[in-house]
Amino acid sequence: MRKLLLLLVIFSVFNAVHALSSDAIEIFISHGNSVSISTIGKVLRLNMTSGTVVYDNLNRVVQVGDISVTYDELSRVVQIGNISIKYDQSSRVINIGNISIAYDFSNRVIKIGDAVITYDSLSRIINITGKTPDNMRFATVPGQT
């Protein structure tokens, strides 16, 4: 019984870490350009239609077109243009501008603004009810557990 319980705890921890590393929120910033950040504040992807990208000496994106990107001492994105990003004590993104982000017990994103995200028992998205705000959308790698 103890071995089974231990396996379940290990599986839960793996899923929690995986959810943080694979989920992202894409923020549309200007002229079709967007920045995708992980739920722990790392820039995962730049989606560019035009403009120049500038990096700092730590190889972090600090400019996308005419939009600046600012980081805190933990290298988490805290500002993209005029959009501020806030974190909880677990370093999870909880606000992008005035939009709230919520998580479940497995650290999966379950709410972005009015959009509610539901998962099946394998942590695959099965439904999004409502709509994410016009300037952002949720991104994940489907079927990854």
Protein backbone atom coordinates (compact mmCIF):
# COMPACT_ATOMS: atom_id res chain seq x y z
CA MET A 1 0.00 0.00 0.00
CA ARG A 2 2.85 2.39 0.84
CA LYS A 3 4.48 1.73 -2.53
CA LEU A 4 1.24 2.53 -4.32
CA LEU A 5 0.83 5.73 -2.34
CA LEU A 6 4.43 6.71 -3.07
CA LEU A 7 3.91 6.08 -6.80
CA LEU A 8 0.79 8.24 -6.77
CA VAL A 9 2.65 11.09 -5.03
CA ILE A 10 5.55 10.86 -7.52
CA PHE A 11 3.10 10.84 -10.44
CA SER A 12 1.30 13.90 -9.04
CA VAL A 13 4.56 15.82 -8.59
CA PHE A 14 5.62 14.95 -12.13
CA ASN A 15 2.31 16.18 -13.51
CA ALA A 16 2.53 19.42 -11.52
CA VAL A 17 6.03 20.19 -12.80
CA HIS A 18 5.06 19.21 -16.33
CA ALA A 19 2.01 21.47 -16.31
CA LEU A 20 4.16 24.44 -15.36
CA SER A 21 6.73 23.80 -18.07
CA SER A 22 4.39 23.11 -20.99
CA ASP A 23 1.61 25.65 -20.49
CA ALA A 24 1.92 29.17 -21.81
CA ILE A 25 -0.11 32.32 -22.19
CA GLU A 26 0.30 34.18 -25.45
CA ILE A 27 0.01 37.96 -25.15
CA PHE A 28 -0.68 39.90 -28.34
CA ILE A 29 1.37 43.08 -28.16
CA SER A 30 1.33 44.97 -31.47
CA HIS A 31 0.90 44.64 -35.23
CA GLY A 32 0.31 40.87 -35.06
CA ASN A 33 3.32 40.28 -32.82
CA SER A 34 2.95 38.24 -29.64
CA VAL A 35 5.02 36.89 -26.77
CA SER A 36 4.28 33.51 -25.19
CA ILE A 37 5.31 33.22 -21.55
CA SER A 38 5.22 30.10 -19.42
CA THR A 39 3.06 30.02 -16.34
CA ILE A 40 6.28 30.61 -14.38
CA GLY A 41 7.21 33.75 -16.31
CA LYS A 42 9.75 32.56 -18.88
CA VAL A 43 9.57 33.73 -22.49
CA LEU A 44 8.88 30.58 -24.50
CA ARG A 45 8.16 31.93 -27.95
CA LEU A 46 8.12 35.09 -30.00
CA ASN A 47 5.49 35.14 -32.72
CA MET A 48 6.55 37.88 -35.08
CA THR A 49 5.05 39.39 -38.20
CA SER A 50 7.48 42.32 -38.25
CA GLY A 51 9.95 44.24 -36.12
CA THR A 52 13.33 43.84 -34.51
CA VAL A 53 14.10 41.65 -31.50
CA VAL A 54 16.75 42.81 -29.00
CA TYR A 55 18.38 40.61 -26.32
CA ASP A 56 20.25 41.55 -23.14
CA ASN A 57 23.57 40.09 -21.96
CA LEU A 58 21.66 37.24 -20.24
CA ASN A 59 20.14 36.26 -23.64
CA ARG A 60 16.66 37.44 -22.56
CA VAL A 61 14.34 39.22 -24.96
CA VAL A 62 14.16 42.89 -23.93
CA GLN A 63 12.55 44.43 -27.02
CA VAL A 64 10.03 43.09 -29.56
CA GLY A 65 9.40 45.66 -32.26
CA ASP A 66 8.61 48.82 -30.31
CA ILE A 67 7.54 46.94 -27.14
CA SER A 68 9.96 46.50 -24.22
CA VAL A 69 10.09 43.42 -21.98
CA THR A 70 11.20 43.84 -18.34
CA TYR A 71 12.33 41.15 -15.86
CA ASP A 72 12.62 40.87 -12.08
CA GLU A 73 15.62 39.56 -10.11
CA LEU A 74 14.36 35.97 -10.69
CA SER A 75 14.36 36.52 -14.50
CA ARG A 76 10.55 36.38 -14.59
CA VAL A 77 8.81 38.68 -17.06
CA VAL A 78 7.16 41.47 -15.07
CA GLN A 79 6.27 43.92 -17.84
CA ILE A 80 5.53 43.62 -21.56
CA GLY A 81 4.95 47.10 -22.93
CA ASN A 82 2.33 48.61 -20.62
CA ILE A 83 1.06 45.19 -19.45
CA SER A 84 2.25 44.20 -15.96
CA ILE A 85 2.56 40.57 -14.84
CA LYS A 86 2.18 39.49 -11.21
CA TYR A 87 3.10 36.21 -9.49
CA ASP A 88 1.98 34.27 -6.43
CA GLN A 89 4.34 32.87 -3.78
CA SER A 90 4.89 29.76 -5.95
CA SER A 91 6.11 31.94 -8.86
CA ARG A 92 2.99 31.22 -10.93
CA VAL A 93 1.54 33.98 -13.09
CA ILE A 94 -1.66 35.16 -11.38
CA ASN A 95 -2.34 38.42 -13.21
CA ILE A 96 -1.59 39.72 -16.66
CA GLY A 97 -2.71 43.33 -16.59
CA ASN A 98 -6.14 43.18 -14.99
CA ILE A 99 -6.79 39.58 -16.11
CA SER A 100 -6.66 36.91 -13.39
CA ILE A 101 -5.14 33.46 -13.92
CA ALA A 102 -6.17 30.55 -11.64
CA TYR A 103 -4.73 27.05 -11.11
CA ASP A 104 -5.97 23.72 -9.80
CA PHE A 105 -4.23 21.43 -7.28
CA SER A 106 -2.01 20.04 -10.08
CA ASN A 107 -0.82 23.53 -11.09
CA ARG A 108 -2.79 23.39 -14.33
CA VAL A 109 -4.27 26.65 -15.60
CA ILE A 110 -8.02 26.42 -15.04
CA LYS A 111 -9.08 30.02 -15.61
CA ILE A 112 -7.92 32.97 -17.69
CA GLY A 113 -10.25 35.90 -17.21
CA ASP A 114 -13.73 34.51 -17.96
CA ALA A 115 -12.45 31.40 -19.78
CA VAL A 116 -12.64 28.18 -17.75
CA ILE A 117 -10.38 25.29 -18.82
CA THR A 118 -11.21 21.69 -17.92
CA TYR A 119 -9.01 18.61 -18.18
CA ASP A 120 -9.51 14.87 -18.30
CA SER A 121 -7.78 12.40 -15.94
CA LEU A 122 -4.68 12.41 -18.20
CA SER A 123 -4.33 16.22 -17.92
CA ARG A 124 -5.48 16.78 -21.50
CA ILE A 125 -7.67 19.80 -22.18
CA ILE A 126 -11.19 18.67 -22.93
CA ASN A 127 -13.09 21.95 -22.88
CA ILE A 128 -12.71 25.72 -22.68
CA THR A 129 -15.90 27.48 -21.61
CA GLY A 130 -16.12 31.20 -22.18
CA LYS A 131 -13.51 33.20 -24.03
CA THR A 132 -10.01 34.33 -23.17
CA PRO A 133 -9.49 38.09 -23.37
CA ASP A 134 -8.98 39.49 -26.88
CA ASN A 135 -5.29 40.22 -26.31
CA MET A 136 -4.30 36.75 -25.04
CA ARG A 137 -4.84 33.04 -25.46
CA PHE A 138 -3.86 29.83 -23.71
CA ALA A 139 -1.30 27.52 -25.32
CA THR A 140 -0.31 24.01 -24.31
CA VAL A 141 1.24 20.90 -25.81
CA PRO A 142 -1.72 18.51 -26.24
CA GLY A 143 -1.45 14.94 -25.06
CA GLN A 144 1.75 15.47 -23.05
CA THR A 145 1.58 13.80 -19.66
